[in-house]
Amino acid sequence: MSSFIIEGGHRLSGSIVPQGAKNEALEVISAVLLTTEEVVITNVPEILDIKNLISLLEMMGVRVNRLAKGEYSFKAEKLNTEFIESPEFVRMCSSLRGSVMVAGPLLARLGHVWFPKPGGDKIGRRRVDTHISGLMALGAELDYDSGRRAYRLRLPEGKHLTGKYMLLDEASVTGTANILLASCLAEGKTVIYNAACEPYIQQLCRLLTAMGAKIEGIGSNLLTVTGVSSLHGATHKILPDMIEVGSFIGMAAMCQSSLTIKDTSYDNLGIIPESFRRLGIKVEQKGDDIFVPEQESYIIDSFLDGSIMTIADAPWPGLTPDLLSVILVVATQCRGSVLIHQKMFESRLFFVDRLIDMGAQIILCDPHRAVVIGHDHKFQLRSGRMLSPDIRAGIALLLAAMSAKGTSEIGNIEQIDRGYEDIENRLNNLGARIIRKG
């Protein structure tokens, strides 16, 4: 198990470019399974989760060529159905969260697919009901194989996917994406109400449209898909990763440093800049860049009636839950108090015990809520030894260690590698002191 050794307390300066968006990449790369023609995707983040998905596609028979850094061509002309039917396929999918995205395309392409319970972060239960009920609404039948510990979705003999009106039980991003992917090749019209409408879903819709799909309502929570008989090749560029953008804003504040974040696709960041402004951080838009100036103090807002500020996650255009860990860490060094409410995952706040050990003042009310009393940079966090429990908590702990007094060690950094590309070298170029060990 590898670890980071972090010498804290160093100011940062300069500029950094965010990588391509991990969550979008998982969706659009899976879409290549819908056509036998070549699909070229650029700005692909070369992180562990994406590399694992690409390896899975190659084993499924997809021809993959790395044209340049972050630029790949995919051609799913002939799929390896023997592997797709094998226990090895089920095992690999169960260890990779992003593998859920191949279910919709494979069902549309082959008429059957294994659907194991996915792996990934240890942040609590992650339901797949929306995926399965949506694919069943399109005509798939479901059974469970206790030997493989996986669901089996298949179309009845002689039947095809058929469009249908559906009201999703939750605005699941990956659930919406899976249903979209399958419905593009379904017969008739599919109406998806309460659909997720994140920029990454919009991007998936744009790629599918470029491939010949017919989709109406892009950007809204009501999507209408008119099925087509086949899709063709296309070229697509992935957006910058909004989670990295938010992480870098928080990093500048934790280290009381000025920082420029380049090429952020600012119009697709939604409420993220404003959420950091609520913590007293100046976030200045300069074209498509963000400049975070150095500040001596960051004062947390309160509501108009004087009550304590609450920052909570919500479906888009609300705040993404993936940034709450970073926001919580940043709040420990601001002036004032804030309630962090993580609604979606019941285990994502448990990493605050490590922050308390470092000297942060945090009251964990329950698995979903924590009150943070900021130090206003008057008390520097202590260094410590810790493990990264998931991607987002991992980067939050890294930011804490960068601001702490002394040398810290973070283990299990493979979790961080899953979501952040070459992170130690990129941060060291700004003035951080991070060494990878193991």
Protein backbone atom coordinates (compact mmCIF):
# COMPACT_ATOMS: atom_id res chain seq x y z
CA MET A 1 0.00 0.00 0.00
CA SER A 2 1.47 3.34 -1.08
CA SER A 3 1.43 6.52 0.99
CA PHE A 4 2.08 10.25 0.76
CA ILE A 5 4.57 11.98 3.05
CA ILE A 6 3.49 15.62 3.32
CA GLU A 7 5.54 18.43 4.81
CA GLY A 8 2.91 20.98 5.77
CA GLY A 9 2.87 24.73 6.16
CA HIS A 10 4.14 25.81 2.72
CA ARG A 11 2.51 28.62 0.76
CA LEU A 12 1.51 27.91 -2.83
CA SER A 13 1.61 30.07 -5.95
CA GLY A 14 1.18 29.82 -9.69
CA SER A 15 -1.50 28.23 -11.85
CA ILE A 16 -2.93 24.76 -12.37
CA VAL A 17 -5.14 23.19 -15.03
CA PRO A 18 -7.88 20.77 -13.90
CA GLN A 19 -7.95 17.32 -15.46
CA GLY A 20 -10.86 16.01 -17.52
CA ALA A 21 -13.96 15.10 -15.54
CA LYS A 22 -13.84 11.57 -14.14
CA ASN A 23 -17.61 11.15 -13.86
CA GLU A 24 -18.22 12.30 -17.42
CA ALA A 25 -15.42 10.07 -18.73
CA LEU A 26 -17.00 6.95 -17.20
CA GLU A 27 -20.26 7.71 -19.03
CA VAL A 28 -19.00 8.76 -22.45
CA ILE A 29 -16.39 6.00 -22.68
CA SER A 30 -19.12 3.44 -21.99
CA ALA A 31 -21.17 4.95 -24.83
CA VAL A 32 -18.65 3.65 -27.40
CA LEU A 33 -20.24 0.18 -26.94
CA LEU A 34 -23.36 1.41 -28.78
CA THR A 35 -21.69 1.62 -32.22
CA THR A 36 -19.38 -0.46 -34.38
CA GLU A 37 -17.73 2.72 -35.68
CA GLU A 38 -14.81 4.68 -34.21
CA VAL A 39 -15.39 7.17 -31.40
CA VAL A 40 -12.60 9.59 -30.45
CA ILE A 41 -12.63 11.13 -26.97
CA THR A 42 -10.23 13.84 -25.80
CA ASN A 43 -9.33 15.34 -22.41
CA VAL A 44 -9.62 11.88 -20.85
CA PRO A 45 -8.24 11.88 -17.27
CA GLU A 46 -5.57 9.21 -17.00
CA ILE A 47 -6.53 8.09 -13.51
CA LEU A 48 -6.92 4.63 -12.03
CA ASP A 49 -10.71 4.32 -12.38
CA ILE A 50 -10.60 5.34 -16.06
CA LYS A 51 -7.63 3.08 -16.83
CA ASN A 52 -9.48 0.17 -15.24
CA LEU A 53 -12.61 0.89 -17.31
CA ILE A 54 -10.55 1.08 -20.51
CA SER A 55 -8.87 -2.24 -19.62
CA LEU A 56 -12.31 -3.77 -19.10
CA LEU A 57 -13.45 -2.52 -22.52
CA GLU A 58 -10.36 -3.99 -24.16
CA MET A 59 -11.12 -7.37 -22.59
CA MET A 60 -14.66 -6.99 -23.96
CA GLY A 61 -13.19 -6.75 -27.46
CA VAL A 62 -13.09 -2.98 -27.93
CA ARG A 63 -10.07 -1.78 -29.92
CA VAL A 64 -8.49 1.10 -28.00
CA ASN A 65 -5.73 3.36 -29.31
CA ARG A 66 -4.04 6.06 -27.20
CA LEU A 67 -3.52 8.80 -29.80
CA ALA A 68 -1.88 11.26 -27.37
CA LYS A 69 -2.01 12.06 -23.67
CA GLY A 70 -5.67 12.17 -22.76
CA GLU A 71 -6.81 11.34 -26.32
CA TYR A 72 -8.18 7.91 -27.18
CA SER A 73 -9.99 6.23 -30.06
CA PHE A 74 -12.42 3.38 -29.41
CA LYS A 75 -13.92 0.91 -31.85
CA ALA A 76 -16.36 -1.71 -30.57
CA GLU A 77 -16.76 -3.43 -33.92
CA LYS A 78 -16.82 -6.97 -32.55
CA LEU A 79 -17.45 -7.73 -28.90
CA ASN A 80 -16.00 -10.70 -27.03
CA THR A 81 -19.28 -12.23 -25.90
CA GLU A 82 -17.51 -15.20 -24.30
CA PHE A 83 -15.74 -12.86 -21.85
CA ILE A 84 -18.88 -10.75 -21.31
CA GLU A 85 -20.68 -13.95 -20.25
CA SER A 86 -17.85 -15.15 -18.01
CA PRO A 87 -17.47 -15.11 -14.20
CA GLU A 88 -14.29 -13.05 -14.76
CA PHE A 89 -16.37 -10.24 -16.28
CA VAL A 90 -18.67 -10.28 -13.26
CA ARG A 91 -15.69 -10.26 -10.88
CA MET A 92 -14.03 -7.31 -12.62
CA CYS A 93 -17.26 -5.31 -12.74
CA SER A 94 -17.92 -5.90 -9.05
CA SER A 95 -14.59 -4.26 -8.17
CA LEU A 96 -15.06 -1.18 -10.37
CA ARG A 97 -17.80 1.34 -9.58
CA GLY A 98 -17.77 2.78 -13.11
CA SER A 99 -18.61 -0.61 -14.58
CA VAL A 100 -22.32 0.03 -13.94
CA MET A 101 -22.22 2.27 -17.02
CA VAL A 102 -21.66 -0.64 -19.43
CA ALA A 103 -24.96 -2.31 -18.47
CA GLY A 104 -27.23 -0.10 -20.57
CA PRO A 105 -25.09 -0.21 -23.73
CA LEU A 106 -24.55 -3.99 -23.51
CA LEU A 107 -28.26 -4.65 -22.97
CA ALA A 108 -29.06 -2.51 -26.04
CA ARG A 109 -26.30 -4.11 -28.11
CA LEU A 110 -26.55 -7.78 -27.08
CA GLY A 111 -29.96 -8.13 -25.44
CA HIS A 112 -28.50 -9.40 -22.17
CA VAL A 113 -25.97 -8.35 -19.51
CA TRP A 114 -24.69 -9.32 -16.06
CA PHE A 115 -25.14 -6.59 -13.45
CA PRO A 116 -23.06 -7.23 -10.30
CA LYS A 117 -23.26 -5.00 -7.28
CA PRO A 118 -20.55 -2.41 -8.02
CA GLY A 119 -17.47 -1.63 -5.94
CA GLY A 120 -15.72 1.68 -5.36
CA ASP A 121 -15.66 3.99 -2.35
CA LYS A 122 -16.59 2.71 1.11
CA ILE A 123 -19.03 5.54 1.79
CA GLY A 124 -22.21 3.68 2.60
CA ARG A 125 -24.92 2.03 0.53
CA ARG A 126 -25.11 2.98 -3.13
CA ARG A 127 -28.44 1.87 -4.57
CA VAL A 128 -28.71 0.52 -8.10
CA ASP A 129 -32.51 0.27 -8.06
CA THR A 130 -32.92 3.19 -10.47
CA HIS A 131 -30.64 1.53 -13.03
CA ILE A 132 -32.39 -1.83 -12.87
CA SER A 133 -35.98 -0.57 -12.72
CA GLY A 134 -35.29 1.76 -15.66
CA LEU A 135 -33.83 -1.02 -17.81
CA MET A 136 -36.71 -3.32 -16.82
CA ALA A 137 -39.16 -0.61 -17.87
CA LEU A 138 -37.58 -0.79 -21.33
CA GLY A 139 -38.43 -4.50 -21.50
CA ALA A 140 -35.61 -6.39 -19.76
CA GLU A 141 -36.38 -9.29 -17.42
CA LEU A 142 -34.43 -9.70 -14.17
CA ASP A 143 -33.18 -12.67 -12.20
CA TYR A 144 -30.47 -13.13 -9.58
CA ASP A 145 -27.62 -15.65 -9.71
CA SER A 146 -26.56 -16.46 -6.14
CA GLY A 147 -23.43 -18.26 -7.38
CA ARG A 148 -22.11 -15.18 -9.17
CA ARG A 149 -23.78 -12.79 -6.73
CA ALA A 150 -24.98 -10.76 -9.67
CA TYR A 151 -28.21 -9.78 -11.39
CA ARG A 152 -28.94 -10.93 -14.92
CA LEU A 153 -30.85 -8.63 -17.28
CA ARG A 154 -32.08 -10.10 -20.55
CA LEU A 155 -34.69 -9.45 -23.20
CA PRO A 156 -37.29 -12.18 -23.80
CA GLU A 157 -36.79 -14.28 -26.93
CA GLY A 158 -37.60 -12.26 -30.06
CA LYS A 159 -38.22 -9.04 -28.12
CA HIS A 160 -36.47 -5.65 -28.39
CA LEU A 161 -36.01 -2.74 -26.00
CA THR A 162 -39.17 -0.65 -26.19
CA GLY A 163 -39.52 3.00 -25.23
CA LYS A 164 -41.69 3.89 -22.26
CA TYR A 165 -42.60 6.82 -19.98
CA MET A 166 -40.86 6.52 -16.63
CA LEU A 167 -40.73 8.65 -13.50
CA LEU A 168 -37.43 7.94 -11.74
CA ASP A 169 -37.58 7.32 -7.99
CA GLU A 170 -34.50 9.54 -7.59
CA ALA A 171 -32.54 11.87 -9.88
CA SER A 172 -29.67 9.37 -10.09
CA VAL A 173 -26.86 10.59 -12.35
CA THR A 174 -25.56 7.15 -13.28
CA GLY A 175 -29.09 5.73 -13.37
CA THR A 176 -30.17 8.44 -15.81
CA ALA A 177 -27.06 7.81 -17.91
CA ASN A 178 -27.68 4.05 -18.09
CA ILE A 179 -31.29 4.50 -19.15
CA LEU A 180 -30.26 7.11 -21.73
CA LEU A 181 -27.63 4.79 -23.20
CA ALA A 182 -30.07 1.90 -23.54
CA SER A 183 -33.02 3.95 -24.81
CA CYS A 184 -31.10 5.39 -27.78
CA LEU A 185 -31.47 2.01 -29.52
CA ALA A 186 -34.93 1.18 -28.16
CA GLU A 187 -38.00 1.05 -30.39
CA GLY A 188 -40.26 4.08 -30.05
CA LYS A 189 -40.09 6.96 -27.59
CA THR A 190 -38.68 6.93 -24.06
CA VAL A 191 -39.63 9.74 -21.67
CA ILE A 192 -37.46 10.09 -18.55
CA TYR A 193 -38.93 12.38 -15.88
CA ASN A 194 -36.97 13.37 -12.76
CA ALA A 195 -33.85 12.78 -14.83
CA ALA A 196 -30.51 14.03 -13.52
CA CYS A 197 -29.43 17.13 -15.44
CA GLU A 198 -25.78 17.59 -14.37
CA PRO A 199 -23.39 19.02 -16.99
CA TYR A 200 -21.93 15.54 -17.41
CA ILE A 201 -25.35 14.14 -18.34
CA GLN A 202 -25.70 17.04 -20.78
CA GLN A 203 -22.32 16.11 -22.22
CA LEU A 204 -23.37 12.47 -22.61
CA CYS A 205 -26.49 13.65 -24.44
CA ARG A 206 -24.36 15.77 -26.77
CA LEU A 207 -22.08 12.84 -27.60
CA LEU A 208 -25.06 10.56 -28.23
CA THR A 209 -26.65 13.22 -30.43
CA ALA A 210 -23.40 13.53 -32.39
CA MET A 211 -23.55 9.74 -32.84
CA GLY A 212 -27.04 10.03 -34.33
CA ALA A 213 -29.32 9.73 -31.28
CA LYS A 214 -32.48 11.84 -31.01
CA ILE A 215 -32.72 13.46 -27.58
CA GLU A 216 -34.90 16.39 -26.51
CA GLY A 217 -34.85 18.35 -23.25
CA ILE A 218 -31.07 18.35 -22.74
CA GLY A 219 -30.25 20.31 -19.57
CA SER A 220 -33.69 19.71 -18.02
CA ASN A 221 -35.10 16.95 -15.82
CA LEU A 222 -37.46 15.80 -18.59
CA LEU A 223 -35.64 13.93 -21.36
CA THR A 224 -37.34 12.48 -24.42
CA VAL A 225 -35.42 9.91 -26.47
CA THR A 226 -36.67 8.70 -29.83
CA GLY A 227 -34.95 5.42 -30.57
CA VAL A 228 -32.92 4.85 -33.73
CA SER A 229 -31.79 1.63 -35.39
CA SER A 230 -28.06 2.36 -35.15
CA LEU A 231 -25.49 4.92 -34.06
CA HIS A 232 -22.30 6.02 -35.81
CA GLY A 233 -18.89 7.34 -34.80
CA ALA A 234 -18.19 10.81 -33.39
CA THR A 235 -15.59 12.98 -31.64
CA HIS A 236 -16.09 14.34 -28.12
CA LYS A 237 -14.16 16.49 -25.64
CA ILE A 238 -14.64 15.93 -21.90
CA LEU A 239 -15.28 18.93 -19.62
CA PRO A 240 -12.80 19.95 -16.88
CA ASP A 241 -13.44 18.17 -13.59
CA MET A 242 -15.54 20.44 -11.36
CA ILE A 243 -14.45 18.44 -8.29
CA GLU A 244 -10.81 19.23 -9.00
CA VAL A 245 -11.69 22.90 -9.51
CA GLY A 246 -13.40 22.98 -6.11
CA SER A 247 -10.52 21.07 -4.50
CA PHE A 248 -8.02 23.64 -5.78
CA ILE A 249 -10.14 26.55 -4.50
CA GLY A 250 -10.17 24.90 -1.07
CA MET A 251 -6.44 24.18 -1.25
CA ALA A 252 -5.64 27.84 -1.86
CA ALA A 253 -7.68 28.83 1.21
CA MET A 254 -6.21 26.13 3.47
CA CYS A 255 -2.67 27.26 2.58
CA GLN A 256 -3.56 31.01 2.61
CA SER A 257 -2.18 31.24 -0.91
CA SER A 258 -3.05 32.92 -4.18
CA LEU A 259 -3.75 30.53 -7.03
CA THR A 260 -5.04 30.65 -10.60
CA ILE A 261 -7.12 27.72 -11.87
CA LYS A 262 -7.05 27.69 -15.66
CA ASP A 263 -9.70 26.61 -18.18
CA THR A 264 -12.41 25.73 -15.67
CA SER A 265 -15.48 25.85 -17.97
CA TYR A 266 -16.83 28.34 -15.43
CA ASP A 267 -20.39 28.32 -16.78
CA ASN A 268 -20.64 24.60 -15.93
CA LEU A 269 -19.55 24.96 -12.28
CA GLY A 270 -23.03 25.89 -11.05
CA ILE A 271 -23.18 26.76 -7.35
CA ILE A 272 -19.63 25.61 -6.56
CA PRO A 273 -17.91 29.06 -6.59
CA GLU A 274 -20.72 30.56 -4.50
CA SER A 275 -20.47 27.72 -1.96
CA PHE A 276 -16.82 28.60 -1.31
CA ARG A 277 -17.71 32.31 -1.14
CA ARG A 278 -20.04 31.42 1.75
CA LEU A 279 -16.91 30.38 3.64
CA GLY A 280 -15.42 33.83 3.04
CA ILE A 281 -13.14 32.81 0.15
CA LYS A 282 -12.77 35.32 -2.65
CA VAL A 283 -13.36 33.49 -5.95
CA GLU A 284 -12.76 35.81 -8.91
CA GLN A 285 -13.78 34.84 -12.43
CA LYS A 286 -11.34 35.96 -15.10
CA GLY A 287 -12.70 34.75 -18.41
CA ASP A 288 -12.75 30.98 -18.12
CA ASP A 289 -10.15 31.05 -15.31
CA ILE A 290 -10.60 31.41 -11.55
CA PHE A 291 -8.26 33.49 -9.41
CA VAL A 292 -8.21 32.88 -5.64
CA PRO A 293 -6.26 35.69 -3.93
CA GLU A 294 -4.29 35.26 -0.71
CA GLN A 295 -6.28 36.27 2.38
CA GLU A 296 -5.39 36.62 6.04
CA SER A 297 -8.86 35.60 7.19
CA TYR A 298 -11.87 33.80 5.74
CA ILE A 299 -15.13 34.73 7.48
CA ILE A 300 -18.03 32.28 7.20
CA ASP A 301 -21.36 33.86 6.25
CA SER A 302 -24.47 33.46 8.35
CA PHE A 303 -28.05 33.49 7.12
CA LEU A 304 -29.92 36.82 7.02
CA ASP A 305 -31.59 36.12 10.37
CA GLY A 306 -28.17 35.49 11.95
CA SER A 307 -28.53 31.71 12.16
CA ILE A 308 -25.61 29.36 11.51
CA MET A 309 -24.70 28.75 7.88
CA THR A 310 -25.67 25.33 6.52
CA ILE A 311 -24.00 23.84 3.46
CA ALA A 312 -25.69 20.73 2.11
CA ASP A 313 -25.49 18.59 -1.00
CA ALA A 314 -28.39 18.35 -3.45
CA PRO A 315 -29.11 17.16 -6.99
CA TRP A 316 -27.90 19.53 -9.72
CA PRO A 317 -28.05 22.50 -9.80
CA GLY A 318 -27.45 22.04 -6.08
CA LEU A 319 -24.01 21.34 -4.63
CA THR A 320 -22.38 18.05 -5.58
CA PRO A 321 -21.81 15.73 -2.59
CA ASP A 322 -18.29 15.04 -3.87
CA LEU A 323 -17.13 18.47 -2.63
CA LEU A 324 -18.55 18.41 0.90
CA SER A 325 -15.43 16.71 2.31
CA VAL A 326 -13.24 19.50 0.92
CA ILE A 327 -15.61 22.22 2.13
CA LEU A 328 -15.65 20.69 5.62
CA VAL A 329 -11.83 20.70 5.82
CA VAL A 330 -11.61 24.29 4.58
CA ALA A 331 -14.16 25.40 7.20
CA THR A 332 -11.84 24.22 9.98
CA GLN A 333 -9.52 27.17 9.22
CA CYS A 334 -12.18 29.82 8.54
CA ARG A 335 -13.69 32.17 11.14
CA GLY A 336 -17.13 31.20 12.35
CA SER A 337 -19.25 28.06 12.40
CA VAL A 338 -21.00 26.03 9.72
CA LEU A 339 -23.21 22.95 9.63
CA ILE A 340 -22.18 20.47 6.93
CA HIS A 341 -25.10 18.24 5.91
CA GLN A 342 -24.15 15.21 3.78
CA LYS A 343 -27.53 13.81 2.72
CA MET A 344 -26.62 11.11 0.24
CA PHE A 345 -24.04 8.83 1.90
CA GLU A 346 -24.15 7.75 5.53
CA SER A 347 -20.42 7.00 5.93
CA ARG A 348 -18.76 9.89 4.14
CA LEU A 349 -18.26 12.07 7.23
CA PHE A 350 -16.53 9.45 9.36
CA PHE A 351 -13.12 10.74 8.24
CA VAL A 352 -13.62 13.77 10.53
CA ASP A 353 -12.17 11.69 13.39
CA ARG A 354 -8.77 12.12 11.70
CA LEU A 355 -9.31 15.89 11.51
CA ILE A 356 -10.24 16.01 15.20
CA ASP A 357 -7.00 14.17 15.97
CA MET A 358 -5.21 16.95 14.03
CA GLY A 359 -6.81 19.60 16.27
CA ALA A 360 -9.90 20.57 14.27
CA GLN A 361 -13.00 21.54 16.24
CA ILE A 362 -15.78 19.41 14.80
CA ILE A 363 -18.92 17.95 16.36
CA LEU A 364 -20.16 14.90 14.43
CA CYS A 365 -23.89 15.06 15.15
CA ASP A 366 -24.80 11.87 13.28
CA PRO A 367 -23.62 10.02 10.14
CA HIS A 368 -24.96 12.84 7.95
CA ARG A 369 -24.23 16.09 9.84
CA ALA A 370 -21.20 17.78 11.34
CA VAL A 371 -20.77 21.21 12.94
CA VAL A 372 -17.40 22.85 12.27
CA ILE A 373 -16.03 25.66 14.46
CA GLY A 374 -13.29 27.36 12.48
CA HIS A 375 -9.83 28.23 13.87
CA ASP A 376 -9.45 31.33 11.64
CA HIS A 377 -5.85 30.18 10.95
CA LYS A 378 -5.02 31.14 14.57
CA PHE A 379 -4.34 27.51 15.40
CA GLN A 380 -2.47 25.37 12.89
CA LEU A 381 -3.59 21.78 12.49
CA ARG A 382 -1.19 19.14 13.82
CA SER A 383 0.45 16.62 11.53
CA GLY A 384 -0.66 13.01 11.78
CA ARG A 385 -0.83 9.55 10.26
CA MET A 386 -4.05 8.57 8.54
CA LEU A 387 -5.62 6.40 5.84
CA SER A 388 -7.65 7.57 2.85
CA PRO A 389 -11.11 5.93 3.11
CA ASP A 390 -12.37 7.15 -0.28
CA ILE A 391 -11.41 9.48 -3.14
CA ARG A 392 -12.97 12.68 -1.80
CA ALA A 393 -12.05 12.22 1.86
CA GLY A 394 -8.54 11.38 0.64
CA ILE A 395 -8.06 14.68 -1.14
CA ALA A 396 -9.60 16.52 1.84
CA LEU A 397 -7.09 14.89 4.20
CA LEU A 398 -4.30 15.82 1.78
CA LEU A 399 -5.37 19.48 1.95
CA ALA A 400 -5.45 19.29 5.75
CA ALA A 401 -1.93 17.81 5.82
CA MET A 402 -0.64 20.51 3.45
CA SER A 403 -1.74 23.18 5.91
CA ALA A 404 -0.68 21.33 9.07
CA LYS A 405 2.40 21.90 11.21
CA GLY A 406 4.96 19.15 10.74
CA THR A 407 5.06 16.07 8.52
CA SER A 408 2.01 13.89 7.91
CA GLU A 409 1.57 10.51 6.27
CA ILE A 410 -1.53 9.40 4.36
CA GLY A 411 -1.83 5.72 3.51
CA ASN A 412 -4.10 3.89 1.05
CA ILE A 413 -3.51 6.66 -1.51
CA GLU A 414 -4.66 4.31 -4.25
CA GLN A 415 -8.06 5.76 -3.38
CA ILE A 416 -6.78 9.25 -4.26
CA ASP A 417 -5.18 7.92 -7.45
CA ARG A 418 -8.60 6.67 -8.54
CA GLY A 419 -9.78 10.26 -8.96
CA TYR A 420 -6.76 12.58 -9.20
CA GLU A 421 -4.10 12.33 -11.91
CA ASP A 422 -0.43 12.72 -10.89
CA ILE A 423 -1.64 14.85 -8.00
CA GLU A 424 1.60 15.06 -5.99
CA ASN A 425 3.70 16.37 -8.91
CA ARG A 426 1.05 18.86 -9.95
CA LEU A 427 0.82 20.25 -6.40
CA ASN A 428 4.59 20.20 -5.91
CA ASN A 429 4.86 22.47 -8.95
CA LEU A 430 2.82 25.00 -6.95
CA GLY A 431 5.14 24.81 -3.92
CA ALA A 432 3.76 21.84 -1.98
CA ARG A 433 6.13 19.25 -0.45
CA ILE A 434 4.64 15.81 -1.12
CA ILE A 435 6.60 12.57 -1.57
CA ARG A 436 5.08 9.28 -2.71
CA LYS A 437 6.34 6.24 -0.79
CA GLY A 438 5.85 2.65 -1.86
